[in-house]
N, C-alpha and C. Protein backbone atom coordinates (compact mmCIF):
# COMPACT_ATOMS: atom_id res chain seq x y z
N MET A 1 80.54 -66.39 47.77
CA MET A 1 81.30 -64.27 47.32
C MET A 1 82.67 -64.56 46.88
N ASN A 2 83.06 -63.53 46.42
CA ASN A 2 84.30 -63.41 46.34
C ASN A 2 84.90 -62.14 46.91
N TYR A 3 85.21 -61.80 48.33
CA TYR A 3 85.51 -61.07 48.92
C TYR A 3 86.50 -59.98 48.75
N TYR A 4 87.19 -60.81 48.02
CA TYR A 4 89.02 -59.75 47.40
C TYR A 4 87.45 -58.68 46.34
N PHE A 5 86.92 -59.10 45.84
CA PHE A 5 86.21 -58.32 44.43
C PHE A 5 85.46 -56.98 45.48
N VAL A 6 84.52 -57.75 46.67
CA VAL A 6 83.55 -56.93 47.52
C VAL A 6 84.51 -55.79 47.95
N GLY A 7 85.85 -56.46 48.62
CA GLY A 7 86.60 -55.35 49.53
C GLY A 7 87.31 -54.33 48.26
N LEU A 8 87.32 -54.28 47.01
CA LEU A 8 87.66 -53.46 45.87
C LEU A 8 86.87 -53.01 45.34
N LEU A 9 85.29 -53.13 45.48
CA LEU A 9 84.21 -52.65 45.39
C LEU A 9 83.92 -51.39 46.07
N VAL A 10 84.24 -51.65 47.50
CA VAL A 10 83.76 -51.05 48.82
C VAL A 10 84.70 -50.02 48.41
N ILE A 11 86.30 -50.11 48.21
CA ILE A 11 87.37 -49.01 48.15
C ILE A 11 86.95 -48.09 46.84
N CYS A 12 86.45 -48.63 45.70
CA CYS A 12 85.96 -48.21 44.58
C CYS A 12 85.33 -47.26 45.12
N ALA A 13 84.14 -47.42 45.78
CA ALA A 13 82.50 -47.14 45.79
C ALA A 13 83.35 -45.39 46.85
N ALA A 14 84.22 -45.71 47.80
CA ALA A 14 84.01 -44.94 48.87
C ALA A 14 85.01 -43.56 48.01
N TYR A 15 86.24 -43.99 47.07
CA TYR A 15 86.67 -43.47 46.61
C TYR A 15 85.53 -42.38 45.17
N ALA A 16 84.88 -43.42 44.70
CA ALA A 16 84.28 -42.41 43.77
C ALA A 16 83.12 -41.35 44.68
N PHE A 17 83.10 -41.99 46.21
CA PHE A 17 81.62 -40.53 46.86
C PHE A 17 82.61 -39.70 47.39
N ILE A 18 83.56 -40.08 47.46
CA ILE A 18 84.59 -38.92 48.14
C ILE A 18 85.07 -37.87 47.17
N ALA A 19 85.79 -38.47 46.21
CA ALA A 19 86.00 -37.38 45.21
C ALA A 19 85.52 -37.44 44.29
N GLY A 20 84.87 -37.83 43.62
CA GLY A 20 83.85 -38.02 42.53
C GLY A 20 82.92 -37.08 42.44
N GLY A 21 82.64 -36.87 41.05
CA GLY A 21 81.84 -36.07 40.88
C GLY A 21 80.01 -36.43 41.10
N PHE A 22 79.13 -36.28 40.47
CA PHE A 22 77.98 -36.96 40.19
C PHE A 22 77.67 -38.05 39.80
N PRO A 23 78.37 -37.72 38.08
CA PRO A 23 78.57 -38.96 37.32
C PRO A 23 79.19 -39.95 37.96
N GLU A 24 80.41 -40.32 39.01
CA GLU A 24 81.03 -40.80 39.59
C GLU A 24 80.57 -41.38 40.73
N ARG A 25 79.35 -40.92 41.56
CA ARG A 25 79.13 -41.59 42.84
C ARG A 25 77.78 -42.07 42.11
N ILE A 26 77.02 -41.72 40.91
CA ILE A 26 75.54 -42.38 40.62
C ILE A 26 76.48 -43.63 40.06
N GLY A 27 77.62 -43.62 39.26
CA GLY A 27 77.73 -45.23 38.37
C GLY A 27 78.58 -46.33 39.62
N ALA A 28 78.84 -45.30 40.53
CA ALA A 28 79.76 -46.20 41.82
C ALA A 28 78.33 -46.90 42.70
N ALA A 29 77.36 -46.08 42.92
CA ALA A 29 76.43 -46.43 43.12
C ALA A 29 75.46 -47.78 42.76
N VAL A 30 75.18 -47.58 41.58
CA VAL A 30 74.53 -47.87 40.61
C VAL A 30 74.92 -49.86 40.18
N TYR A 31 76.82 -49.26 40.01
CA TYR A 31 77.37 -50.95 40.44
C TYR A 31 77.35 -51.41 41.26
N ALA A 32 77.32 -50.89 42.22
CA ALA A 32 77.29 -51.67 43.37
C ALA A 32 75.97 -51.78 44.49
N LEU A 33 75.01 -51.37 43.84
CA LEU A 33 73.51 -52.57 43.50
C LEU A 33 73.36 -53.25 42.57
N SER A 34 73.78 -53.19 41.97
CA SER A 34 74.19 -54.34 40.95
C SER A 34 74.67 -55.50 41.16
N VAL A 35 75.84 -55.49 41.72
CA VAL A 35 76.72 -56.66 41.88
C VAL A 35 75.58 -56.71 43.30
N ALA A 36 75.23 -56.52 44.40
CA ALA A 36 74.24 -57.21 45.56
C ALA A 36 73.34 -57.41 44.66
N ALA A 37 72.57 -56.79 44.24
CA ALA A 37 71.65 -57.42 43.12
C ALA A 37 71.58 -59.38 42.73
N THR A 38 72.26 -58.65 42.08
CA THR A 38 73.34 -60.14 41.38
C THR A 38 73.45 -61.61 42.49
N TYR A 39 74.22 -60.70 42.98
CA TYR A 39 74.86 -61.90 44.50
C TYR A 39 73.40 -62.77 45.48
N LEU A 40 71.87 -61.41 45.35
CA LEU A 40 70.84 -61.82 45.72
C LEU A 40 70.04 -62.96 44.98
N VAL A 41 70.71 -62.69 43.53
CA VAL A 41 69.68 -63.42 42.86
C VAL A 41 70.49 -64.99 42.28
N LEU A 42 71.73 -64.79 42.53
CA LEU A 42 72.48 -66.26 42.36
C LEU A 42 72.42 -67.11 43.97
N TRP A 43 72.22 -66.08 44.85
CA TRP A 43 71.68 -67.01 46.15
C TRP A 43 70.65 -67.81 46.05
N SER A 44 69.28 -66.70 45.94
CA SER A 44 67.96 -67.73 45.44
C SER A 44 67.77 -68.47 45.05
N GLU A 45 68.26 -68.74 43.80
CA GLU A 45 67.88 -69.53 42.37
C GLU A 45 69.23 -70.71 42.85
N SER A 46 70.28 -70.66 43.42
CA SER A 46 71.11 -71.59 43.65
C SER A 46 71.65 -72.35 42.22
N SER A 47 72.56 -70.85 42.02
CA SER A 47 72.33 -70.81 40.51
C SER A 47 73.83 -72.50 40.27
N GLU A 48 73.93 -72.58 38.98
CA GLU A 48 75.35 -73.51 38.83
C GLU A 48 75.49 -72.82 37.29
N TRP A 49 74.94 -72.30 36.74
CA TRP A 49 75.33 -71.80 35.24
C TRP A 49 75.14 -72.63 34.06
N ARG A 50 74.28 -73.45 34.96
CA ARG A 50 73.95 -74.57 33.54
C ARG A 50 72.89 -74.07 32.38
N THR A 51 71.77 -73.06 33.07
CA THR A 51 70.92 -72.44 31.69
C THR A 51 71.06 -71.01 32.07
N LEU A 52 70.12 -70.23 31.14
CA LEU A 52 70.29 -68.73 31.03
C LEU A 52 69.91 -68.46 32.49
N GLU A 53 70.99 -67.27 33.08
CA GLU A 53 70.27 -67.22 34.35
C GLU A 53 69.86 -65.82 34.57
N PHE A 54 68.69 -65.72 33.87
CA PHE A 54 67.21 -65.17 33.89
C PHE A 54 67.70 -63.59 34.85
N GLY A 55 67.64 -63.87 36.33
CA GLY A 55 67.64 -62.93 37.04
C GLY A 55 68.76 -61.93 36.66
N VAL A 56 70.20 -62.58 37.00
CA VAL A 56 71.44 -62.21 36.61
C VAL A 56 70.57 -61.49 35.42
N PHE A 57 70.56 -61.75 34.13
CA PHE A 57 70.31 -61.62 32.51
C PHE A 57 69.65 -59.87 32.82
N ILE A 58 68.35 -59.59 33.82
CA ILE A 58 67.68 -59.02 34.19
C ILE A 58 68.57 -57.65 34.70
N VAL A 59 69.24 -57.90 35.65
CA VAL A 59 69.87 -56.96 36.93
C VAL A 59 70.95 -56.22 36.00
N ASP A 60 71.53 -57.39 34.92
CA ASP A 60 73.04 -56.80 34.00
C ASP A 60 71.79 -55.92 32.58
N ALA A 61 70.64 -56.00 32.04
CA ALA A 61 70.33 -55.78 31.04
C ALA A 61 69.95 -53.97 31.90
N VAL A 62 69.21 -54.07 33.08
CA VAL A 62 69.15 -52.83 33.98
C VAL A 62 70.15 -51.96 33.88
N VAL A 63 71.10 -52.44 34.38
CA VAL A 63 72.89 -51.88 34.44
C VAL A 63 73.14 -51.07 33.34
N PHE A 64 73.32 -52.03 32.55
CA PHE A 64 73.30 -51.46 31.11
C PHE A 64 72.67 -50.14 30.91
N VAL A 65 71.74 -50.38 30.60
CA VAL A 65 70.20 -49.25 30.02
C VAL A 65 71.09 -47.80 31.47
N ALA A 66 71.04 -48.13 32.56
CA ALA A 66 71.55 -46.94 33.69
C ALA A 66 72.49 -45.80 33.11
N PHE A 67 73.91 -47.24 32.42
CA PHE A 67 75.21 -46.68 32.56
C PHE A 67 74.86 -45.91 30.91
N VAL A 68 74.13 -46.55 30.26
CA VAL A 68 74.04 -45.86 28.51
C VAL A 68 73.98 -44.42 28.84
N PHE A 69 72.31 -44.72 29.95
CA PHE A 69 71.61 -43.51 30.17
C PHE A 69 72.85 -41.92 30.47
N LEU A 70 73.84 -42.58 31.85
CA LEU A 70 74.76 -42.49 31.99
C LEU A 70 75.44 -41.32 31.09
N ALA A 71 76.34 -42.26 30.20
CA ALA A 71 77.28 -41.90 28.76
C ALA A 71 76.49 -40.53 28.10
N LEU A 72 75.23 -40.89 28.07
CA LEU A 72 74.74 -40.21 27.09
C LEU A 72 74.13 -38.89 27.71
N ARG A 73 74.18 -38.38 29.22
CA ARG A 73 74.41 -37.30 30.06
C ARG A 73 75.32 -36.45 30.28
N ALA A 74 76.22 -37.39 31.00
CA ALA A 74 77.39 -36.87 31.51
C ALA A 74 78.43 -36.60 31.04
N ASN A 75 79.31 -35.42 31.62
CA ASN A 75 80.19 -34.71 30.95
C ASN A 75 81.56 -35.98 31.06
N ARG A 76 81.50 -36.81 30.42
CA ARG A 76 82.73 -37.73 31.03
C ARG A 76 82.59 -38.49 30.01
N PHE A 77 83.81 -39.87 29.66
CA PHE A 77 84.14 -40.58 28.71
C PHE A 77 83.88 -41.87 29.26
N TRP A 78 84.33 -41.78 30.90
CA TRP A 78 84.29 -43.32 31.59
C TRP A 78 82.90 -44.32 31.34
N PRO A 79 82.09 -43.37 31.57
CA PRO A 79 80.36 -44.45 31.42
C PRO A 79 80.95 -45.16 29.62
N ILE A 80 80.69 -44.62 28.75
CA ILE A 80 81.16 -45.24 27.29
C ILE A 80 82.01 -46.23 27.44
N TRP A 81 82.83 -46.55 28.35
CA TRP A 81 83.58 -47.80 28.35
C TRP A 81 82.83 -49.02 28.90
N VAL A 82 82.49 -48.34 30.35
CA VAL A 82 81.46 -49.49 31.29
C VAL A 82 80.48 -49.54 30.42
N SER A 83 80.05 -48.87 29.77
CA SER A 83 78.36 -49.24 29.06
C SER A 83 78.94 -50.46 27.73
N GLY A 84 80.07 -50.06 27.23
CA GLY A 84 80.70 -51.36 26.43
C GLY A 84 81.54 -52.48 27.00
N LEU A 85 81.61 -52.46 28.89
CA LEU A 85 82.26 -53.80 29.10
C LEU A 85 80.59 -54.44 29.69
N LEU A 86 79.75 -53.58 29.90
CA LEU A 86 78.36 -54.34 30.14
C LEU A 86 77.92 -54.90 29.24
N GLY A 87 78.06 -54.29 28.03
CA GLY A 87 77.45 -54.80 26.69
C GLY A 87 77.66 -55.84 26.47
N LEU A 88 79.24 -56.08 26.53
CA LEU A 88 79.54 -58.06 26.31
C LEU A 88 79.39 -58.62 26.99
N GLY A 89 78.67 -58.31 28.51
CA GLY A 89 78.23 -59.32 29.35
C GLY A 89 76.78 -59.80 28.74
N LEU A 90 76.32 -58.60 28.43
CA LEU A 90 74.69 -59.05 27.76
C LEU A 90 74.75 -59.80 26.39
N PHE A 91 76.41 -59.75 26.08
CA PHE A 91 76.06 -60.97 25.16
C PHE A 91 76.45 -61.82 25.22
N GLY A 92 77.22 -62.21 26.22
CA GLY A 92 77.67 -63.40 27.03
C GLY A 92 75.79 -64.34 27.51
N HIS A 93 74.95 -63.26 27.76
CA HIS A 93 73.84 -63.75 27.77
C HIS A 93 73.22 -64.36 26.89
N MET A 94 73.46 -63.89 25.83
CA MET A 94 73.10 -64.14 24.29
C MET A 94 73.39 -65.70 23.59
N ALA A 95 74.89 -65.83 23.84
CA ALA A 95 75.01 -66.64 23.71
C ALA A 95 75.05 -67.99 24.31
N ARG A 96 74.75 -67.36 25.42
CA ARG A 96 74.34 -69.19 26.35
C ARG A 96 72.61 -69.11 26.05
N LEU A 97 71.97 -68.27 25.43
CA LEU A 97 70.50 -68.71 25.37
C LEU A 97 70.63 -69.52 24.18
N ALA A 98 71.52 -68.77 22.83
CA ALA A 98 71.46 -69.29 21.23
C ALA A 98 72.19 -70.15 21.74
N GLY A 99 72.92 -70.33 22.15
CA GLY A 99 73.65 -72.03 22.63
C GLY A 99 73.75 -72.75 23.52
N PRO A 100 72.78 -73.95 23.69
CA PRO A 100 72.23 -74.11 25.09
C PRO A 100 73.74 -75.10 25.34
N THR A 101 74.50 -75.53 24.53
CA THR A 101 75.70 -75.95 24.56
C THR A 101 77.26 -75.72 25.36
N VAL A 102 76.91 -74.32 25.89
CA VAL A 102 77.90 -73.62 26.36
C VAL A 102 78.60 -74.14 27.45
N ILE A 103 79.77 -74.14 27.86
CA ILE A 103 80.30 -74.85 28.78
C ILE A 103 79.64 -73.95 30.03
N PRO A 104 79.10 -74.45 30.91
CA PRO A 104 78.69 -73.73 32.12
C PRO A 104 80.15 -72.25 32.89
N TRP A 105 80.88 -73.04 32.72
CA TRP A 105 81.77 -72.19 33.59
C TRP A 105 82.72 -71.07 32.57
N ALA A 106 82.49 -71.30 31.04
CA ALA A 106 82.54 -70.08 30.10
C ALA A 106 81.77 -69.19 30.42
N TYR A 107 80.24 -69.63 30.65
CA TYR A 107 79.41 -68.37 30.62
C TYR A 107 79.38 -68.10 31.24
N ALA A 108 80.03 -68.10 33.06
CA ALA A 108 79.85 -67.95 34.20
C ALA A 108 81.33 -66.59 34.10
N VAL A 109 82.40 -67.21 33.45
CA VAL A 109 83.24 -66.57 33.24
C VAL A 109 83.28 -65.22 32.10
N VAL A 110 82.49 -65.53 31.18
CA VAL A 110 81.98 -64.39 30.39
C VAL A 110 81.59 -63.18 31.16
N LEU A 111 80.17 -63.25 31.98
CA LEU A 111 79.53 -62.57 32.75
C LEU A 111 80.26 -61.93 33.48
N THR A 112 81.36 -62.53 34.54
CA THR A 112 82.39 -62.11 35.88
C THR A 112 83.38 -61.30 35.26
N ILE A 113 83.78 -61.86 34.15
CA ILE A 113 85.82 -61.33 33.75
C ILE A 113 85.69 -59.54 33.74
N TRP A 114 84.42 -59.17 33.21
CA TRP A 114 84.50 -57.76 32.69
C TRP A 114 84.70 -56.66 34.59
N SER A 115 84.34 -57.11 35.20
CA SER A 115 84.26 -56.57 36.73
C SER A 115 84.95 -55.88 37.37
N TYR A 116 86.74 -56.44 37.35
CA TYR A 116 87.32 -55.90 37.59
C TYR A 116 88.13 -54.52 36.50
N PRO A 117 87.67 -54.83 35.16
CA PRO A 117 88.28 -53.44 34.66
C PRO A 117 86.92 -52.46 35.04
N ILE A 118 85.79 -52.84 35.52
CA ILE A 118 84.83 -51.77 35.23
C ILE A 118 85.47 -50.74 36.61
N LEU A 119 85.69 -51.58 37.56
CA LEU A 119 86.36 -51.36 39.12
C LEU A 119 87.28 -50.31 38.53
N ALA A 120 88.49 -50.48 37.73
CA ALA A 120 89.07 -49.79 37.37
C ALA A 120 88.68 -48.49 36.53
N ILE A 121 87.66 -48.52 35.76
CA ILE A 121 87.20 -47.60 35.06
C ILE A 121 86.55 -46.86 35.79
N ILE A 122 86.10 -46.93 36.41
CA ILE A 122 85.47 -46.30 37.80
C ILE A 122 86.29 -45.20 38.29
N ALA A 123 87.38 -46.11 39.11
CA ALA A 123 88.34 -45.28 39.64
C ALA A 123 89.06 -44.55 39.21
N LEU A 124 89.64 -44.85 37.77
CA LEU A 124 90.30 -43.97 36.85
C LEU A 124 89.72 -42.91 36.73
N GLY A 125 88.17 -42.92 36.34
CA GLY A 125 87.29 -41.59 36.11
C GLY A 125 87.06 -40.65 37.42
N THR A 126 87.06 -41.35 38.35
CA THR A 126 87.25 -40.29 39.42
C THR A 126 88.48 -39.66 39.81
N PHE A 127 90.00 -40.59 39.62
CA PHE A 127 91.14 -39.76 39.29
C PHE A 127 90.96 -38.71 38.67
N ASN A 128 91.03 -38.84 37.30
CA ASN A 128 90.38 -37.74 36.09
C ASN A 128 89.46 -36.53 36.69
N HIS A 129 88.23 -36.96 37.53
CA HIS A 129 87.93 -35.66 38.02
C HIS A 129 88.73 -34.77 38.72
N HIS A 130 89.07 -35.85 40.01
CA HIS A 130 89.45 -35.12 40.83
C HIS A 130 91.09 -34.10 40.10
N ARG A 131 91.58 -34.75 39.00
CA ARG A 131 92.05 -34.48 38.87
C ARG A 131 92.05 -32.52 38.00
N ARG A 132 90.64 -32.86 37.39
CA ARG A 132 90.56 -31.84 36.32
C ARG A 132 90.26 -30.54 37.77
N ILE A 133 89.60 -30.99 38.76
CA ILE A 133 89.33 -29.99 39.69
C ILE A 133 90.22 -29.21 40.13
N ARG A 134 91.37 -29.93 40.28
CA ARG A 134 92.72 -29.47 41.02
C ARG A 134 93.08 -28.24 40.20
N ARG A 135 93.37 -28.96 38.91
CA ARG A 135 93.48 -28.18 37.42
C ARG A 135 92.87 -26.88 37.27
N ASN A 136 91.48 -27.30 36.77
CA ASN A 136 90.81 -26.37 36.37
C ASN A 136 89.66 -25.60 37.31
N GLY A 137 89.80 -25.97 38.43
CA GLY A 137 89.02 -24.92 39.54
C GLY A 137 87.32 -26.02 39.33
N SER A 138 86.94 -26.28 38.18
CA SER A 138 85.86 -26.91 37.81
C SER A 138 85.85 -28.36 37.23
N ASP A 139 84.77 -28.84 37.32
CA ASP A 139 84.73 -29.66 35.99
C ASP A 139 83.31 -30.37 35.86
N PRO A 140 82.20 -29.62 35.25
CA PRO A 140 81.03 -29.60 34.88
C PRO A 140 80.50 -31.32 35.09
N SER A 141 79.47 -31.58 35.78
CA SER A 141 78.91 -32.88 35.32
C SER A 141 78.16 -33.53 34.28
N TRP A 142 77.43 -32.84 33.74
CA TRP A 142 76.45 -32.84 32.87
C TRP A 142 76.75 -32.13 31.06
N SER A 143 76.22 -32.30 30.65
CA SER A 143 76.92 -31.78 28.99
C SER A 143 75.81 -30.62 29.18
N ARG A 144 75.71 -30.26 28.56
CA ARG A 144 74.74 -28.97 28.25
C ARG A 144 73.89 -28.91 27.34
N SER A 145 74.61 -29.39 26.24
CA SER A 145 73.39 -29.99 24.79
C SER A 145 72.56 -31.07 24.80
N SER A 146 71.64 -30.97 24.21
CA SER A 146 70.55 -32.07 24.18
C SER A 146 71.48 -32.91 22.70
N GLY A 147 72.61 -32.06 22.37
CA GLY A 147 72.75 -33.32 21.38
C GLY A 147 72.03 -33.14 19.84
N ARG A 148 71.25 -31.82 19.85
CA ARG A 148 70.66 -31.42 18.55
C ARG A 148 71.71 -30.13 18.44
N SER A 149 72.05 -29.58 17.01
CA SER A 149 72.65 -28.64 16.51
C SER A 149 71.72 -27.53 16.89
N PRO A 150 71.76 -26.16 16.73
CA PRO A 150 70.85 -25.34 16.39
C PRO A 150 70.31 -25.21 14.96
N PRO A 151 69.03 -24.65 14.98
CA PRO A 151 68.63 -24.40 13.37
C PRO A 151 69.62 -23.77 12.59
N THR A 152 70.21 -24.05 11.56
CA THR A 152 71.19 -22.99 10.96
C THR A 152 70.53 -22.21 9.88
N PRO A 153 70.05 -20.71 9.81
CA PRO A 153 69.71 -20.28 8.79
C PRO A 153 70.06 -20.78 6.83
N PRO A 154 68.99 -20.42 6.79
CA PRO A 154 69.50 -20.60 5.07
C PRO A 154 70.23 -20.00 4.22
N SER A 155 71.02 -21.14 3.13
CA SER A 155 72.02 -20.23 2.97
C SER A 155 72.06 -18.71 1.85
N MET A 156 72.60 -17.96 1.31
CA MET A 156 72.09 -17.36 0.91
C MET A 156 72.79 -17.36 -0.16
N PRO A 157 72.25 -17.38 -1.72
CA PRO A 157 72.26 -17.70 -3.19
C PRO A 157 73.71 -16.64 -3.54
N MET A 158 74.17 -17.50 -3.56
CA MET A 158 75.61 -16.24 -4.33
C MET A 158 75.47 -15.86 -5.58
N PRO A 159 75.99 -14.14 -5.53
CA PRO A 159 75.54 -13.56 -6.90
C PRO A 159 76.69 -14.09 -8.06
């Protein structure tokens, strides 16, 4: 277990819960739970990264879907970046599945290297939310639109 990362995760999640809006809190909670689930899966499987880590793949896929949903609904930009980094991790799983000769440590690095930038992005998103609150007095958490444009009336023929 990487205690340095866990410490940073606790600090980042606490910051998101104290200073963040609902998207930051949800994102920090989902990510913290995913880290805990990943540790549990790896501990129960006694992993050596020699084959596709199916349990870790499932956790990563669920977290990716959760952040994509958050990115689609939240009035924030940072969940898009987190979704992209989580997607890169999923590509690491696909590479391992497609190429069983991938070196085990390379597979482990591809899955874990995005962890620190994800923490930084969540912290930056929380900082920006807090800054917008101080500057504007409010910061809406959720987008109001469904993504659909209102129907446009038919155009009138030009005389």
